[in-house]
Amino acid sequence: MNTGSPNEGLKKLFKIVLGTEVNIKDNIDETEELIFINLIKKLEESEKMEHKVFQSSGIDLSKVTDGLWFVVENQMRLLYGHESAELIQWYIYDRFNPDGSIIPLESPKGKLFIIKTPNDLWSYIKFKFIN
């Protein structure tokens, strides 16, 4: 019975075939996408909660959270570039009309994109700004 991970079996196979130890890394592109999507979901939840607290109690948390949002926004610029960071900010703060409908994103050529989910956002950023 094999109780090791699949990577352990692959490592043994490569050692036999190649005669040397190897390191197996995860799928960086997939991992980056999952991290991005989870990060955007958490940012959305945080922004909604901050708004909900203000709506229900009148407590303005911005004096506490503005510095944190500043740090997050600048980290996005470092990781994904200025245009991507601007798009992420739009997605978090400004993608909904007052009636709750999604505002389409318009390309310079007039093509409209509906970005509903963090997955859609990731796909658009990859298409438009990365590679």
C-alpha atoms as a PDB file:
ATOM      1  CA  MET A   1       0.000   0.000   0.000  1.00  0.00           C
ATOM      2  CA  ASN A   2       1.413   3.356  -1.072  1.00  0.00           C
ATOM      3  CA  THR A   3       0.939   6.038   1.591  1.00  0.00           C
ATOM      4  CA  GLY A   4       3.185   8.667   0.002  1.00  0.00           C
ATOM      5  CA  SER A   5       2.000  11.642  -2.004  1.00  0.00           C
ATOM      6  CA  PRO A   6       1.808  11.445  -5.809  1.00  0.00           C
ATOM      7  CA  ASN A   7       4.768  13.805  -5.938  1.00  0.00           C
ATOM      8  CA  GLU A   8       6.870  11.357  -3.927  1.00  0.00           C
ATOM      9  CA  GLY A   9       6.219   8.647  -6.518  1.00  0.00           C
ATOM     10  CA  LEU A  10       7.180  11.021  -9.316  1.00  0.00           C
ATOM     11  CA  LYS A  11      10.327  12.066  -7.472  1.00  0.00           C
ATOM     12  CA  LYS A  12      11.370   8.408  -7.125  1.00  0.00           C
ATOM     13  CA  LEU A  13      10.664   7.776 -10.810  1.00  0.00           C
ATOM     14  CA  PHE A  14      12.713  10.810 -11.893  1.00  0.00           C
ATOM     15  CA  LYS A  15      15.555   9.753  -9.591  1.00  0.00           C
ATOM     16  CA  ILE A  16      15.607   6.301 -11.208  1.00  0.00           C
ATOM     17  CA  VAL A  17      15.376   7.669 -14.760  1.00  0.00           C
ATOM     18  CA  LEU A  18      17.581  10.745 -14.377  1.00  0.00           C
ATOM     19  CA  GLY A  19      19.826   9.537 -11.578  1.00  0.00           C
ATOM     20  CA  THR A  20      19.332  12.697  -9.551  1.00  0.00           C
ATOM     21  CA  GLU A  21      16.957  14.307  -7.072  1.00  0.00           C
ATOM     22  CA  VAL A  22      14.306  16.654  -8.517  1.00  0.00           C
ATOM     23  CA  ASN A  23      11.939  19.194  -7.022  1.00  0.00           C
ATOM     24  CA  ILE A  24       8.357  19.189  -8.264  1.00  0.00           C
ATOM     25  CA  LYS A  25       6.640  22.556  -8.086  1.00  0.00           C
ATOM     26  CA  ASP A  26       2.951  23.212  -8.264  1.00  0.00           C
ATOM     27  CA  ASN A  27       1.226  24.767 -11.258  1.00  0.00           C
ATOM     28  CA  ILE A  28       2.236  28.395 -10.715  1.00  0.00           C
ATOM     29  CA  ASP A  29      -0.372  29.812 -13.120  1.00  0.00           C
ATOM     30  CA  GLU A  30      -3.216  27.904 -11.451  1.00  0.00           C
ATOM     31  CA  THR A  31      -1.982  28.772  -7.967  1.00  0.00           C
ATOM     32  CA  GLU A  32      -1.684  32.452  -8.878  1.00  0.00           C
ATOM     33  CA  GLU A  33      -5.228  32.428 -10.260  1.00  0.00           C
ATOM     34  CA  LEU A  34      -6.645  30.787  -7.111  1.00  0.00           C
ATOM     35  CA  ILE A  35      -4.834  33.236  -4.848  1.00  0.00           C
ATOM     36  CA  PHE A  36      -6.045  36.189  -6.949  1.00  0.00           C
ATOM     37  CA  ILE A  37      -9.662  34.988  -6.904  1.00  0.00           C
ATOM     38  CA  ASN A  38      -9.635  34.396  -3.144  1.00  0.00           C
ATOM     39  CA  LEU A  39      -8.006  37.783  -2.558  1.00  0.00           C
ATOM     40  CA  ILE A  40     -10.629  39.582  -4.650  1.00  0.00           C
ATOM     41  CA  LYS A  41     -13.444  37.719  -2.876  1.00  0.00           C
ATOM     42  CA  LYS A  42     -12.061  38.795   0.510  1.00  0.00           C
ATOM     43  CA  LEU A  43     -11.688  42.396  -0.652  1.00  0.00           C
ATOM     44  CA  GLU A  44     -15.276  42.383  -1.921  1.00  0.00           C
ATOM     45  CA  GLU A  45     -16.523  40.963   1.384  1.00  0.00           C
ATOM     46  CA  SER A  46     -14.545  43.563   3.341  1.00  0.00           C
ATOM     47  CA  GLU A  47     -15.845  46.467   1.279  1.00  0.00           C
ATOM     48  CA  LYS A  48     -19.437  45.209   1.556  1.00  0.00           C
ATOM     49  CA  MET A  49     -19.106  44.719   5.321  1.00  0.00           C
ATOM     50  CA  GLU A  50     -17.676  48.204   5.775  1.00  0.00           C
ATOM     51  CA  HIS A  51     -20.602  49.635   3.786  1.00  0.00           C
ATOM     52  CA  LYS A  52     -23.133  47.493   5.698  1.00  0.00           C
ATOM     53  CA  VAL A  53     -21.797  48.665   9.072  1.00  0.00           C
ATOM     54  CA  PHE A  54     -22.164  52.274   7.955  1.00  0.00           C
ATOM     55  CA  GLN A  55     -25.679  51.715   6.584  1.00  0.00           C
ATOM     56  CA  SER A  56     -26.946  49.873   9.668  1.00  0.00           C
ATOM     57  CA  SER A  57     -25.256  51.848  12.443  1.00  0.00           C
ATOM     58  CA  GLY A  58     -23.906  55.060  10.946  1.00  0.00           C
ATOM     59  CA  ILE A  59     -20.402  54.101  12.079  1.00  0.00           C
ATOM     60  CA  ASP A  60     -17.817  55.234   9.539  1.00  0.00           C
ATOM     61  CA  LEU A  61     -14.931  52.777   9.601  1.00  0.00           C
ATOM     62  CA  SER A  62     -12.899  54.669   7.000  1.00  0.00           C
ATOM     63  CA  LYS A  63     -10.556  56.189   9.615  1.00  0.00           C
ATOM     64  CA  VAL A  64      -9.594  52.627  10.522  1.00  0.00           C
ATOM     65  CA  THR A  65      -9.637  51.050   7.080  1.00  0.00           C
ATOM     66  CA  ASP A  66      -8.345  53.759   4.706  1.00  0.00           C
ATOM     67  CA  GLY A  67      -4.725  52.991   5.510  1.00  0.00           C
ATOM     68  CA  LEU A  68      -5.284  49.286   4.940  1.00  0.00           C
ATOM     69  CA  TRP A  69      -7.038  49.895   1.622  1.00  0.00           C
ATOM     70  CA  PHE A  70      -4.129  52.149   0.590  1.00  0.00           C
ATOM     71  CA  VAL A  71      -1.648  49.348   1.312  1.00  0.00           C
ATOM     72  CA  VAL A  72      -3.735  46.745  -0.553  1.00  0.00           C
ATOM     73  CA  GLU A  73      -4.178  49.005  -3.586  1.00  0.00           C
ATOM     74  CA  ASN A  74      -0.444  49.686  -3.775  1.00  0.00           C
ATOM     75  CA  GLN A  75       0.364  45.988  -3.429  1.00  0.00           C
ATOM     76  CA  MET A  76      -1.946  45.350  -6.396  1.00  0.00           C
ATOM     77  CA  ARG A  77       0.020  47.931  -8.397  1.00  0.00           C
ATOM     78  CA  LEU A  78       3.274  46.185  -7.550  1.00  0.00           C
ATOM     79  CA  LEU A  79       1.932  42.724  -8.373  1.00  0.00           C
ATOM     80  CA  TYR A  80      -0.212  43.364 -11.432  1.00  0.00           C
ATOM     81  CA  GLY A  81       0.690  46.820 -12.753  1.00  0.00           C
ATOM     82  CA  HIS A  82      -1.087  50.156 -12.738  1.00  0.00           C
ATOM     83  CA  GLU A  83      -3.832  49.345 -15.273  1.00  0.00           C
ATOM     84  CA  SER A  84      -4.718  46.061 -13.568  1.00  0.00           C
ATOM     85  CA  ALA A  85      -4.800  47.739 -10.154  1.00  0.00           C
ATOM     86  CA  GLU A  86      -7.150  50.406 -11.503  1.00  0.00           C
ATOM     87  CA  LEU A  87      -9.400  47.694 -12.898  1.00  0.00           C
ATOM     88  CA  ILE A  88      -9.377  45.821  -9.575  1.00  0.00           C
ATOM     89  CA  GLN A  89     -10.371  49.025  -7.770  1.00  0.00           C
ATOM     90  CA  TRP A  90     -13.182  49.588 -10.282  1.00  0.00           C
ATOM     91  CA  TYR A  91     -14.352  46.012  -9.721  1.00  0.00           C
ATOM     92  CA  ILE A  92     -14.383  46.377  -5.920  1.00  0.00           C
ATOM     93  CA  TYR A  93     -15.834  49.887  -5.650  1.00  0.00           C
ATOM     94  CA  ASP A  94     -17.590  50.988  -8.831  1.00  0.00           C
ATOM     95  CA  ARG A  95     -18.859  48.122 -11.008  1.00  0.00           C
ATOM     96  CA  PHE A  96     -22.479  48.346  -9.864  1.00  0.00           C
ATOM     97  CA  ASN A  97     -25.113  50.906 -10.798  1.00  0.00           C
ATOM     98  CA  PRO A  98     -27.306  52.189  -7.935  1.00  0.00           C
ATOM     99  CA  ASP A  99     -29.985  49.702  -9.049  1.00  0.00           C
ATOM    100  CA  GLY A 100     -27.542  46.786  -8.612  1.00  0.00           C
ATOM    101  CA  SER A 101     -26.931  46.131 -12.303  1.00  0.00           C
ATOM    102  CA  ILE A 102     -23.360  45.678 -13.475  1.00  0.00           C
ATOM    103  CA  ILE A 103     -21.728  48.516 -15.372  1.00  0.00           C
ATOM    104  CA  PRO A 104     -20.091  47.102 -18.507  1.00  0.00           C
ATOM    105  CA  LEU A 105     -16.416  47.753 -18.997  1.00  0.00           C
ATOM    106  CA  GLU A 106     -15.815  49.386 -22.374  1.00  0.00           C
ATOM    107  CA  SER A 107     -12.618  48.819 -24.347  1.00  0.00           C
ATOM    108  CA  PRO A 108     -11.045  51.678 -26.318  1.00  0.00           C
ATOM    109  CA  LYS A 109     -12.575  50.109 -29.446  1.00  0.00           C
ATOM    110  CA  GLY A 110     -16.060  50.186 -27.931  1.00  0.00           C
ATOM    111  CA  LYS A 111     -16.375  46.504 -27.067  1.00  0.00           C
ATOM    112  CA  LEU A 112     -18.317  45.895 -23.852  1.00  0.00           C
ATOM    113  CA  PHE A 113     -17.241  43.377 -21.224  1.00  0.00           C
ATOM    114  CA  ILE A 114     -19.456  42.265 -18.358  1.00  0.00           C
ATOM    115  CA  ILE A 115     -17.273  41.307 -15.411  1.00  0.00           C
ATOM    116  CA  LYS A 116     -19.459  39.519 -12.869  1.00  0.00           C
ATOM    117  CA  THR A 117     -17.028  37.425 -10.823  1.00  0.00           C
ATOM    118  CA  PRO A 118     -13.421  37.441  -9.647  1.00  0.00           C
ATOM    119  CA  ASN A 119     -12.856  34.667 -12.233  1.00  0.00           C
ATOM    120  CA  ASP A 120     -14.077  37.016 -14.976  1.00  0.00           C
ATOM    121  CA  LEU A 121     -11.806  39.741 -13.620  1.00  0.00           C
ATOM    122  CA  TRP A 122      -8.804  37.411 -13.633  1.00  0.00           C
ATOM    123  CA  SER A 123      -9.528  36.309 -17.204  1.00  0.00           C
ATOM    124  CA  TYR A 124      -9.836  39.903 -18.390  1.00  0.00           C
ATOM    125  CA  ILE A 125      -6.636  40.990 -16.644  1.00  0.00           C
ATOM    126  CA  LYS A 126      -4.736  38.004 -18.070  1.00  0.00           C
ATOM    127  CA  PHE A 127      -6.146  38.736 -21.550  1.00  0.00           C
ATOM    128  CA  LYS A 128      -5.549  42.476 -21.457  1.00  0.00           C
ATOM    129  CA  PHE A 129      -2.481  43.109 -19.316  1.00  0.00           C
ATOM    130  CA  ILE A 130      -0.486  39.945 -18.547  1.00  0.00           C
ATOM    131  CA  ASN A 131       1.554  38.297 -21.308  1.00  0.00           C
END
